Amino acid sequence: MTEFVKFASTDEIKEGKMKDFSVNGSKLLIANVNGNYYSICSTCTHKGGPLADGELKGNIITCPWHGAKFDVTTGKVIGGSAKEDEKKYEVKVQGKDILVKI
């Protein structure tokens, strides 16, 4: 069963920033890109690096371990050593609550 779960408030994740979370054994991150919130798996598909410790520039997140690059809005690989896309999670905002469908 999938459902939307509150992970954060809009006050917690400022524009251009991201935050990671663990849920049911999975790790995900939420990124704020131009006031819109997106969520992808936070473990790099290349060698398991912690994406939330990487750099977010615009909608591109770079893994701190080997430089794999992903579009945080889609989860798609856009460069570097990774070949597999990141899992993308649906996000919605209700008031100040950021909800992710898990």
PDB file of N, CA and C in Angstrom:
ATOM      1  N   MET A   1       0.842  -1.179   0.000  1.00  0.00           N
ATOM      2  CA  MET A   1       0.000   0.000   0.000  1.00  0.00           C
ATOM      3  C   MET A   1       0.890   1.246   0.000  1.00  0.00           C
ATOM      4  N   THR A   2       0.576   2.177  -0.852  1.00  0.00           N
ATOM      5  CA  THR A   2       1.323   3.433  -0.875  1.00  0.00           C
ATOM      6  C   THR A   2       0.456   4.538  -0.313  1.00  0.00           C
ATOM      7  N   GLU A   3       1.121   5.445   0.358  1.00  0.00           N
ATOM      8  CA  GLU A   3       0.410   6.568   0.945  1.00  0.00           C
ATOM      9  C   GLU A   3       1.358   7.747   1.074  1.00  0.00           C
ATOM     10  N   PHE A   4       0.802   8.932   1.198  1.00  0.00           N
ATOM     11  CA  PHE A   4       1.608  10.121   1.419  1.00  0.00           C
ATOM     12  C   PHE A   4       1.914  10.244   2.901  1.00  0.00           C
ATOM     13  N   VAL A   5       3.185  10.473   3.215  1.00  0.00           N
ATOM     14  CA  VAL A   5       3.648  10.594   4.589  1.00  0.00           C
ATOM     15  C   VAL A   5       4.372  11.932   4.729  1.00  0.00           C
ATOM     16  N   LYS A   6       4.113  12.635   5.833  1.00  0.00           N
ATOM     17  CA  LYS A   6       4.800  13.900   6.084  1.00  0.00           C
ATOM     18  C   LYS A   6       6.245  13.623   6.468  1.00  0.00           C
ATOM     19  N   PHE A   7       7.166  14.311   5.789  1.00  0.00           N
ATOM     20  CA  PHE A   7       8.584  14.172   6.091  1.00  0.00           C
ATOM     21  C   PHE A   7       9.196  15.444   6.649  1.00  0.00           C
ATOM     22  N   ALA A   8       8.677  16.586   6.247  1.00  0.00           N
ATOM     23  CA  ALA A   8       9.296  17.847   6.652  1.00  0.00           C
ATOM     24  C   ALA A   8       8.294  18.970   6.461  1.00  0.00           C
ATOM     25  N   SER A   9       8.712  20.152   6.905  1.00  0.00           N
ATOM     26  CA  SER A   9       7.923  21.351   6.615  1.00  0.00           C
ATOM     27  C   SER A   9       8.715  22.191   5.620  1.00  0.00           C
ATOM     28  N   THR A  10       8.026  23.060   4.935  1.00  0.00           N
ATOM     29  CA  THR A  10       8.690  23.899   3.940  1.00  0.00           C
ATOM     30  C   THR A  10       9.740  24.795   4.587  1.00  0.00           C
ATOM     31  N   ASP A  11       9.606  25.088   5.871  1.00  0.00           N
ATOM     32  CA  ASP A  11      10.594  25.903   6.582  1.00  0.00           C
ATOM     33  C   ASP A  11      11.920  25.169   6.781  1.00  0.00           C
ATOM     34  N   GLU A  12      11.892  23.835   6.745  1.00  0.00           N
ATOM     35  CA  GLU A  12      13.085  23.030   7.009  1.00  0.00           C
ATOM     36  C   GLU A  12      14.018  22.891   5.817  1.00  0.00           C
ATOM     37  N   ILE A  13      13.480  23.018   4.593  1.00  0.00           N
ATOM     38  CA  ILE A  13      14.292  22.791   3.398  1.00  0.00           C
ATOM     39  C   ILE A  13      14.215  24.049   2.531  1.00  0.00           C
ATOM     40  N   LYS A  14      15.202  24.896   2.697  1.00  0.00           N
ATOM     41  CA  LYS A  14      15.250  26.176   1.988  1.00  0.00           C
ATOM     42  C   LYS A  14      15.566  25.955   0.506  1.00  0.00           C
ATOM     43  N   GLU A  15      15.270  26.963  -0.307  1.00  0.00           N
ATOM     44  CA  GLU A  15      15.528  26.875  -1.738  1.00  0.00           C
ATOM     45  C   GLU A  15      17.005  26.579  -2.012  1.00  0.00           C
ATOM     46  N   GLY A  16      17.232  25.610  -2.904  1.00  0.00           N
ATOM     47  CA  GLY A  16      18.593  25.217  -3.250  1.00  0.00           C
ATOM     48  C   GLY A  16      19.222  24.247  -2.272  1.00  0.00           C
ATOM     49  N   LYS A  17      18.445  23.760  -1.299  1.00  0.00           N
ATOM     50  CA  LYS A  17      18.960  22.834  -0.277  1.00  0.00           C
ATOM     51  C   LYS A  17      18.227  21.504  -0.359  1.00  0.00           C
ATOM     52  N   MET A  18      18.735  20.521   0.362  1.00  0.00           N
ATOM     53  CA  MET A  18      18.107  19.200   0.414  1.00  0.00           C
ATOM     54  C   MET A  18      18.322  18.598   1.785  1.00  0.00           C
ATOM     55  N   LYS A  19      17.539  17.572   2.070  1.00  0.00           N
ATOM     56  CA  LYS A  19      17.618  16.893   3.360  1.00  0.00           C
ATOM     57  C   LYS A  19      17.319  15.420   3.117  1.00  0.00           C
ATOM     58  N   ASP A  20      18.025  14.537   3.832  1.00  0.00           N
ATOM     59  CA  ASP A  20      17.778  13.106   3.650  1.00  0.00           C
ATOM     60  C   ASP A  20      16.976  12.524   4.799  1.00  0.00           C
ATOM     61  N   PHE A  21      16.303  11.413   4.496  1.00  0.00           N
ATOM     62  CA  PHE A  21      15.422  10.736   5.443  1.00  0.00           C
ATOM     63  C   PHE A  21      15.548   9.235   5.235  1.00  0.00           C
ATOM     64  N   SER A  22      15.229   8.471   6.282  1.00  0.00           N
ATOM     65  CA  SER A  22      15.143   7.015   6.182  1.00  0.00           C
ATOM     66  C   SER A  22      13.719   6.598   6.494  1.00  0.00           C
ATOM     67  N   VAL A  23      13.201   5.664   5.693  1.00  0.00           N
ATOM     68  CA  VAL A  23      11.858   5.151   5.922  1.00  0.00           C
ATOM     69  C   VAL A  23      11.800   3.695   5.462  1.00  0.00           C
ATOM     70  N   ASN A  24      11.338   2.827   6.331  1.00  0.00           N
ATOM     71  CA  ASN A  24      11.172   1.409   6.004  1.00  0.00           C
ATOM     72  C   ASN A  24      12.416   0.809   5.347  1.00  0.00           C
ATOM     73  N   GLY A  25      13.598   1.176   5.836  1.00  0.00           N
ATOM     74  CA  GLY A  25      14.835   0.635   5.294  1.00  0.00           C
ATOM     75  C   GLY A  25      15.318   1.304   4.026  1.00  0.00           C
ATOM     76  N   SER A  26      14.574   2.258   3.502  1.00  0.00           N
ATOM     77  CA  SER A  26      14.985   2.985   2.306  1.00  0.00           C
ATOM     78  C   SER A  26      15.412   4.392   2.683  1.00  0.00           C
ATOM     79  N   LYS A  27      16.364   4.924   1.913  1.00  0.00           N
ATOM     80  CA  LYS A  27      16.813   6.289   2.141  1.00  0.00           C
ATOM     81  C   LYS A  27      16.352   7.143   0.965  1.00  0.00           C
ATOM     82  N   LEU A  28      15.816   8.309   1.291  1.00  0.00           N
ATOM     83  CA  LEU A  28      15.395   9.231   0.255  1.00  0.00           C
ATOM     84  C   LEU A  28      15.807  10.632   0.646  1.00  0.00           C
ATOM     85  N   LEU A  29      15.819  11.511  -0.344  1.00  0.00           N
ATOM     86  CA  LEU A  29      16.100  12.906  -0.052  1.00  0.00           C
ATOM     87  C   LEU A  29      14.996  13.752  -0.654  1.00  0.00           C
ATOM     88  N   ILE A  30      14.813  14.923  -0.066  1.00  0.00           N
ATOM     89  CA  ILE A  30      13.887  15.913  -0.594  1.00  0.00           C
ATOM     90  C   ILE A  30      14.720  17.141  -0.912  1.00  0.00           C
ATOM     91  N   ALA A  31      14.559  17.657  -2.126  1.00  0.00           N
ATOM     92  CA  ALA A  31      15.289  18.834  -2.566  1.00  0.00           C
ATOM     93  C   ALA A  31      14.309  19.942  -2.922  1.00  0.00           C
ATOM     94  N   ASN A  32      14.710  21.170  -2.622  1.00  0.00           N
ATOM     95  CA  ASN A  32      13.926  22.348  -2.965  1.00  0.00           C
ATOM     96  C   ASN A  32      14.601  23.007  -4.155  1.00  0.00           C
ATOM     97  N   VAL A  33      13.934  22.947  -5.315  1.00  0.00           N
ATOM     98  CA  VAL A  33      14.446  23.550  -6.543  1.00  0.00           C
ATOM     99  C   VAL A  33      13.481  24.640  -6.967  1.00  0.00           C
ATOM    100  N   ASN A  34      13.905  25.884  -6.824  1.00  0.00           N
ATOM    101  CA  ASN A  34      13.080  27.034  -7.203  1.00  0.00           C
ATOM    102  C   ASN A  34      11.716  27.027  -6.534  1.00  0.00           C
ATOM    103  N   GLY A  35      11.680  26.610  -5.266  1.00  0.00           N
ATOM    104  CA  GLY A  35      10.428  26.614  -4.511  1.00  0.00           C
ATOM    105  C   GLY A  35       9.557  25.392  -4.726  1.00  0.00           C
ATOM    106  N   ASN A  36      10.004  24.451  -5.557  1.00  0.00           N
ATOM    107  CA  ASN A  36       9.292  23.194  -5.774  1.00  0.00           C
ATOM    108  C   ASN A  36      10.083  22.076  -5.111  1.00  0.00           C
ATOM    109  N   TYR A  37       9.383  21.090  -4.579  1.00  0.00           N
ATOM    110  CA  TYR A  37      10.019  20.007  -3.830  1.00  0.00           C
ATOM    111  C   TYR A  37       9.988  18.714  -4.635  1.00  0.00           C
ATOM    112  N   TYR A  38      11.127  18.014  -4.624  1.00  0.00           N
ATOM    113  CA  TYR A  38      11.285  16.758  -5.353  1.00  0.00           C
ATOM    114  C   TYR A  38      11.947  15.748  -4.433  1.00  0.00           C
ATOM    115  N   SER A  39      11.670  14.471  -4.673  1.00  0.00           N
ATOM    116  CA  SER A  39      12.264  13.426  -3.852  1.00  0.00           C
ATOM    117  C   SER A  39      12.752  12.277  -4.730  1.00  0.00           C
ATOM    118  N   ILE A  40      13.990  11.854  -4.458  1.00  0.00           N
ATOM    119  CA  ILE A  40      14.575  10.685  -5.105  1.00  0.00           C
ATOM    120  C   ILE A  40      15.274   9.855  -4.030  1.00  0.00           C
ATOM    121  N   CYS A  41      15.653   8.642  -4.395  1.00  0.00           N
ATOM    122  CA  CYS A  41      16.451   7.807  -3.503  1.00  0.00           C
ATOM    123  C   CYS A  41      17.750   8.547  -3.216  1.00  0.00           C
ATOM    124  N   SER A  42      18.245   8.475  -1.996  1.00  0.00           N
ATOM    125  CA  SER A  42      19.456   9.224  -1.654  1.00  0.00           C
ATOM    126  C   SER A  42      20.720   8.371  -1.663  1.00  0.00           C
ATOM    127  N   THR A  43      20.625   7.143  -2.160  1.00  0.00           N
ATOM    128  CA  THR A  43      21.796   6.276  -2.284  1.00  0.00           C
ATOM    129  C   THR A  43      22.158   6.185  -3.761  1.00  0.00           C
ATOM    130  N   CYS A  44      23.359   6.616  -4.107  1.00  0.00           N
ATOM    131  CA  CYS A  44      23.782   6.635  -5.508  1.00  0.00           C
ATOM    132  C   CYS A  44      23.732   5.236  -6.116  1.00  0.00           C
ATOM    133  N   THR A  45      23.208   5.162  -7.329  1.00  0.00           N
ATOM    134  CA  THR A  45      23.104   3.870  -8.014  1.00  0.00           C
ATOM    135  C   THR A  45      24.454   3.363  -8.514  1.00  0.00           C
ATOM    136  N   HIS A  46      25.484   4.186  -8.469  1.00  0.00           N
ATOM    137  CA  HIS A  46      26.805   3.757  -8.935  1.00  0.00           C
ATOM    138  C   HIS A  46      27.516   2.893  -7.893  1.00  0.00           C
ATOM    139  N   LYS A  47      27.836   3.465  -6.736  1.00  0.00           N
ATOM    140  CA  LYS A  47      28.550   2.724  -5.691  1.00  0.00           C
ATOM    141  C   LYS A  47      27.964   2.958  -4.310  1.00  0.00           C
ATOM    142  N   GLY A  48      26.720   3.452  -4.249  1.00  0.00           N
ATOM    143  CA  GLY A  48      26.052   3.602  -2.962  1.00  0.00           C
ATOM    144  C   GLY A  48      26.413   4.848  -2.180  1.00  0.00           C
ATOM    145  N   GLY A  49      26.974   5.834  -2.841  1.00  0.00           N
ATOM    146  CA  GLY A  49      27.346   7.075  -2.166  1.00  0.00           C
ATOM    147  C   GLY A  49      26.133   7.826  -1.620  1.00  0.00           C
ATOM    148  N   PRO A  50      26.354   8.648  -0.597  1.00  0.00           N
ATOM    149  CA  PRO A  50      25.258   9.411   0.026  1.00  0.00           C
ATOM    150  C   PRO A  50      24.955  10.688  -0.751  1.00  0.00           C
ATOM    151  N   LEU A  51      23.964  10.648  -1.634  1.00  0.00           N
ATOM    152  CA  LEU A  51      23.664  11.798  -2.479  1.00  0.00           C
ATOM    153  C   LEU A  51      23.357  13.071  -1.689  1.00  0.00           C
ATOM    154  N   ALA A  52      22.734  12.927  -0.540  1.00  0.00           N
ATOM    155  CA  ALA A  52      22.381  14.109   0.257  1.00  0.00           C
ATOM    156  C   ALA A  52      23.613  14.848   0.769  1.00  0.00           C
ATOM    157  N   ASP A  53      24.776  14.188   0.753  1.00  0.00           N
ATOM    158  CA  ASP A  53      26.024  14.847   1.126  1.00  0.00           C
ATOM    159  C   ASP A  53      26.695  15.496  -0.082  1.00  0.00           C
ATOM    160  N   GLY A  54      26.084  15.324  -1.248  1.00  0.00           N
ATOM    161  CA  GLY A  54      26.640  15.881  -2.474  1.00  0.00           C
ATOM    162  C   GLY A  54      26.251  17.336  -2.657  1.00  0.00           C
ATOM    163  N   GLU A  55      26.439  17.807  -3.880  1.00  0.00           N
ATOM    164  CA  GLU A  55      26.185  19.200  -4.208  1.00  0.00           C
ATOM    165  C   GLU A  55      24.948  19.304  -5.091  1.00  0.00           C
ATOM    166  N   LEU A  56      24.078  20.241  -4.755  1.00  0.00           N
ATOM    167  CA  LEU A  56      22.875  20.516  -5.541  1.00  0.00           C
ATOM    168  C   LEU A  56      23.054  21.869  -6.210  1.00  0.00           C
ATOM    169  N   LYS A  57      23.079  21.866  -7.543  1.00  0.00           N
ATOM    170  CA  LYS A  57      23.145  23.098  -8.321  1.00  0.00           C
ATOM    171  C   LYS A  57      21.966  23.093  -9.268  1.00  0.00           C
ATOM    172  N   GLY A  58      21.028  24.015  -9.027  1.00  0.00           N
ATOM    173  CA  GLY A  58      19.794  23.990  -9.812  1.00  0.00           C
ATOM    174  C   GLY A  58      19.078  22.694  -9.531  1.00  0.00           C
ATOM    175  N   ASN A  59      18.803  21.922 -10.578  1.00  0.00           N
ATOM    176  CA  ASN A  59      18.119  20.638 -10.406  1.00  0.00           C
ATOM    177  C   ASN A  59      19.076  19.444 -10.514  1.00  0.00           C
ATOM    178  N   ILE A  60      20.381  19.713 -10.532  1.00  0.00           N
ATOM    179  CA  ILE A  60      21.368  18.654 -10.691  1.00  0.00           C
ATOM    180  C   ILE A  60      22.070  18.383  -9.361  1.00  0.00           C
ATOM    181  N   ILE A  61      22.043  17.111  -8.961  1.00  0.00           N
ATOM    182  CA  ILE A  61      22.733  16.688  -7.746  1.00  0.00           C
ATOM    183  C   ILE A  61      23.933  15.846  -8.170  1.00  0.00           C
ATOM    184  N   THR A  62      25.069  16.119  -7.529  1.00  0.00           N
ATOM    185  CA  THR A  62      26.306  15.405  -7.836  1.00  0.00           C
ATOM    186  C   THR A  62      26.721  14.575  -6.630  1.00  0.00           C
ATOM    187  N   CYS A  63      26.944  13.296  -6.858  1.00  0.00           N
ATOM    188  CA  CYS A  63      27.366  12.394  -5.786  1.00  0.00           C
ATOM    189  C   CYS A  63      28.768  12.780  -5.302  1.00  0.00           C
ATOM    190  N   PRO A  64      28.981  12.840  -3.984  1.00  0.00           N
ATOM    191  CA  PRO A  64      30.289  13.232  -3.467  1.00  0.00           C
ATOM    192  C   PRO A  64      31.376  12.162  -3.642  1.00  0.00           C
ATOM    193  N   TRP A  65      31.004  10.929  -3.923  1.00  0.00           N
ATOM    194  CA  TRP A  65      32.002   9.869  -4.017  1.00  0.00           C
ATOM    195  C   TRP A  65      32.694   9.821  -5.376  1.00  0.00           C
ATOM    196  N   HIS A  66      31.926   9.733  -6.468  1.00  0.00           N
ATOM    197  CA  HIS A  66      32.534   9.540  -7.784  1.00  0.00           C
ATOM    198  C   HIS A  66      31.994  10.496  -8.841  1.00  0.00           C
ATOM    199  N   GLY A  67      31.199  11.476  -8.430  1.00  0.00           N
ATOM    200  CA  GLY A  67      30.759  12.514  -9.358  1.00  0.00           C
ATOM    201  C   GLY A  67      29.587  12.180 -10.259  1.00  0.00           C
ATOM    202  N   ALA A  68      28.882  11.093  -9.983  1.00  0.00           N
ATOM    203  CA  ALA A  68      27.683  10.801 -10.776  1.00  0.00           C
ATOM    204  C   ALA A  68      26.690  11.955 -10.624  1.00  0.00           C
ATOM    205  N   LYS A  69      25.997  12.278 -11.702  1.00  0.00           N
ATOM    206  CA  LYS A  69      25.063  13.403 -11.689  1.00  0.00           C
ATOM    207  C   LYS A  69      23.662  12.918 -12.041  1.00  0.00           C
ATOM    208  N   PHE A  70      22.691  13.444 -11.282  1.00  0.00           N
ATOM    209  CA  PHE A  70      21.291  13.076 -11.484  1.00  0.00           C
ATOM    210  C   PHE A  70      20.435  14.338 -11.525  1.00  0.00           C
ATOM    211  N   ASP A  71      19.359  14.262 -12.314  1.00  0.00           N
ATOM    212  CA  ASP A  71      18.359  15.323 -12.299  1.00  0.00           C
ATOM    213  C   ASP A  71      17.409  14.997 -11.157  1.00  0.00           C
ATOM    214  N   VAL A  72      17.409  15.827 -10.120  1.00  0.00           N
ATOM    215  CA  VAL A  72      16.609  15.544  -8.928  1.00  0.00           C
ATOM    216  C   VAL A  72      15.106  15.640  -9.229  1.00  0.00           C
ATOM    217  N   THR A  73      14.723  16.302 -10.321  1.00  0.00           N
ATOM    218  CA  THR A  73      13.299  16.415 -10.656  1.00  0.00           C
ATOM    219  C   THR A  73      12.752  15.158 -11.317  1.00  0.00           C
ATOM    220  N   THR A  74      13.651  14.338 -11.889  1.00  0.00           N
ATOM    221  CA  THR A  74      13.210  13.135 -12.593  1.00  0.00           C
ATOM    222  C   THR A  74      13.875  11.856 -12.098  1.00  0.00           C
ATOM    223  N   GLY A  75      15.035  11.990 -11.452  1.00  0.00           N
ATOM    224  CA  GLY A  75      15.824  10.834 -11.032  1.00  0.00           C
ATOM    225  C   GLY A  75      16.742  10.313 -12.118  1.00  0.00           C
ATOM    226  N   LYS A  76      16.711  10.899 -13.307  1.00  0.00           N
ATOM    227  CA  LYS A  76      17.493  10.419 -14.455  1.00  0.00           C
ATOM    228  C   LYS A  76      18.980  10.722 -14.283  1.00  0.00           C
ATOM    229  N   VAL A  77      19.818   9.774 -14.712  1.00  0.00           N
ATOM    230  CA  VAL A  77      21.266   9.975 -14.767  1.00  0.00           C
ATOM    231  C   VAL A  77      21.539  10.989 -15.870  1.00  0.00           C
ATOM    232  N   ILE A  78      22.391  11.975 -15.582  1.00  0.00           N
ATOM    233  CA  ILE A  78      22.740  12.929 -16.633  1.00  0.00           C
ATOM    234  C   ILE A  78      24.247  13.025 -16.855  1.00  0.00           C
ATOM    235  N   GLY A  79      25.028  12.294 -16.069  1.00  0.00           N
ATOM    236  CA  GLY A  79      26.467  12.322 -16.282  1.00  0.00           C
ATOM    237  C   GLY A  79      27.213  11.542 -15.221  1.00  0.00           C
ATOM    238  N   GLY A  80      28.498  11.399 -15.460  1.00  0.00           N
ATOM    239  CA  GLY A  80      29.342  10.701 -14.497  1.00  0.00           C
ATOM    240  C   GLY A  80      29.280   9.200 -14.659  1.00  0.00           C
ATOM    241  N   SER A  81      29.642   8.504 -13.609  1.00  0.00           N
ATOM    242  CA  SER A  81      29.851   7.059 -13.659  1.00  0.00           C
ATOM    243  C   SER A  81      28.586   6.212 -13.501  1.00  0.00           C
ATOM    244  N   ALA A  82      27.484   6.775 -13.051  1.00  0.00           N
ATOM    245  CA  ALA A  82      26.252   5.989 -12.848  1.00  0.00           C
ATOM    246  C   ALA A  82      25.598   5.659 -14.185  1.00  0.00           C
ATOM    247  N   LYS A  83      24.994   4.496 -14.250  1.00  0.00           N
ATOM    248  CA  LYS A  83      24.269   4.058 -15.454  1.00  0.00           C
ATOM    249  C   LYS A  83      22.781   3.882 -15.174  1.00  0.00           C
ATOM    250  N   GLU A  84      22.427   3.744 -13.903  1.00  0.00           N
ATOM    251  CA  GLU A  84      21.039   3.483 -13.513  1.00  0.00           C
ATOM    252  C   GLU A  84      20.430   4.728 -12.869  1.00  0.00           C
ATOM    253  N   ASP A  85      19.190   5.047 -13.285  1.00  0.00           N
ATOM    254  CA  ASP A  85      18.472   6.193 -12.727  1.00  0.00           C
ATOM    255  C   ASP A  85      18.143   5.959 -11.253  1.00  0.00           C
ATOM    256  N   GLU A  86      17.898   7.052 -10.550  1.00  0.00           N
ATOM    257  CA  GLU A  86      17.429   6.992  -9.167  1.00  0.00           C
ATOM    258  C   GLU A  86      15.911   6.830  -9.145  1.00  0.00           C
ATOM    259  N   LYS A  87      15.397   6.147  -8.121  1.00  0.00           N
ATOM    260  CA  LYS A  87      13.958   6.047  -7.944  1.00  0.00           C
ATOM    261  C   LYS A  87      13.427   7.427  -7.563  1.00  0.00           C
ATOM    262  N   LYS A  88      12.333   7.824  -8.197  1.00  0.00           N
ATOM    263  CA  LYS A  88      11.701   9.116  -7.920  1.00  0.00           C
ATOM    264  C   LYS A  88      10.435   8.866  -7.108  1.00  0.00           C
ATOM    265  N   TYR A  89      10.213   9.732  -6.131  1.00  0.00           N
ATOM    266  CA  TYR A  89       9.023   9.645  -5.295  1.00  0.00           C
ATOM    267  C   TYR A  89       8.126  10.850  -5.567  1.00  0.00           C
ATOM    268  N   GLU A  90       6.831  10.628  -5.554  1.00  0.00           N
ATOM    269  CA  GLU A  90       5.869  11.714  -5.749  1.00  0.00           C
ATOM    270  C   GLU A  90       5.811  12.566  -4.481  1.00  0.00           C
ATOM    271  N   VAL A  91       5.798  13.880  -4.672  1.00  0.00           N
ATOM    272  CA  VAL A  91       5.783  14.834  -3.558  1.00  0.00           C
ATOM    273  C   VAL A  91       4.600  15.771  -3.723  1.00  0.00           C
ATOM    274  N   LYS A  92       3.976  16.124  -2.603  1.00  0.00           N
ATOM    275  CA  LYS A  92       2.973  17.186  -2.619  1.00  0.00           C
ATOM    276  C   LYS A  92       3.126  18.007  -1.350  1.00  0.00           C
ATOM    277  N   VAL A  93       2.711  19.251  -1.443  1.00  0.00           N
ATOM    278  CA  VAL A  93       2.790  20.157  -0.304  1.00  0.00           C
ATOM    279  C   VAL A  93       1.372  20.526   0.100  1.00  0.00           C
ATOM    280  N   GLN A  94       1.085  20.361   1.391  1.00  0.00           N
ATOM    281  CA  GLN A  94      -0.203  20.759   1.953  1.00  0.00           C
ATOM    282  C   GLN A  94       0.097  21.773   3.040  1.00  0.00           C
ATOM    283  N   GLY A  95      -0.273  23.017   2.799  1.00  0.00           N
ATOM    284  CA  GLY A  95       0.079  24.068   3.743  1.00  0.00           C
ATOM    285  C   GLY A  95       1.592  24.170   3.785  1.00  0.00           C
ATOM    286  N   LYS A  96       2.180  23.898   4.948  1.00  0.00           N
ATOM    287  CA  LYS A  96       3.645  23.899   5.079  1.00  0.00           C
ATOM    288  C   LYS A  96       4.219  22.490   5.181  1.00  0.00           C
ATOM    289  N   ASP A  97       3.380  21.468   5.062  1.00  0.00           N
ATOM    290  CA  ASP A  97       3.820  20.089   5.162  1.00  0.00           C
ATOM    291  C   ASP A  97       4.277  19.552   3.816  1.00  0.00           C
ATOM    292  N   ILE A  98       5.465  18.941   3.795  1.00  0.00           N
ATOM    293  CA  ILE A  98       5.956  18.257   2.607  1.00  0.00           C
ATOM    294  C   ILE A  98       5.655  16.784   2.773  1.00  0.00           C
ATOM    295  N   LEU A  99       4.840  16.240   1.865  1.00  0.00           N
ATOM    296  CA  LEU A  99       4.419  14.860   1.915  1.00  0.00           C
ATOM    297  C   LEU A  99       5.033  14.086   0.751  1.00  0.00           C
ATOM    298  N   VAL A 100       5.483  12.871   1.028  1.00  0.00           N
ATOM    299  CA  VAL A 100       6.079  12.021   0.002  1.00  0.00           C
ATOM    300  C   VAL A 100       5.290  10.721  -0.045  1.00  0.00           C
ATOM    301  N   LYS A 101       5.004  10.283  -1.267  1.00  0.00           N
ATOM    302  CA  LYS A 101       4.271   9.025  -1.453  1.00  0.00           C
ATOM    303  C   LYS A 101       5.253   7.857  -1.382  1.00  0.00           C
ATOM    304  N   ILE A 102       5.028   6.996  -0.361  1.00  0.00           N
ATOM    305  CA  ILE A 102       5.911   5.828  -0.185  1.00  0.00           C
ATOM    306  C   ILE A 102       5.092   4.548  -0.200  1.00  0.00           C
TER     307      ILE A 102
END
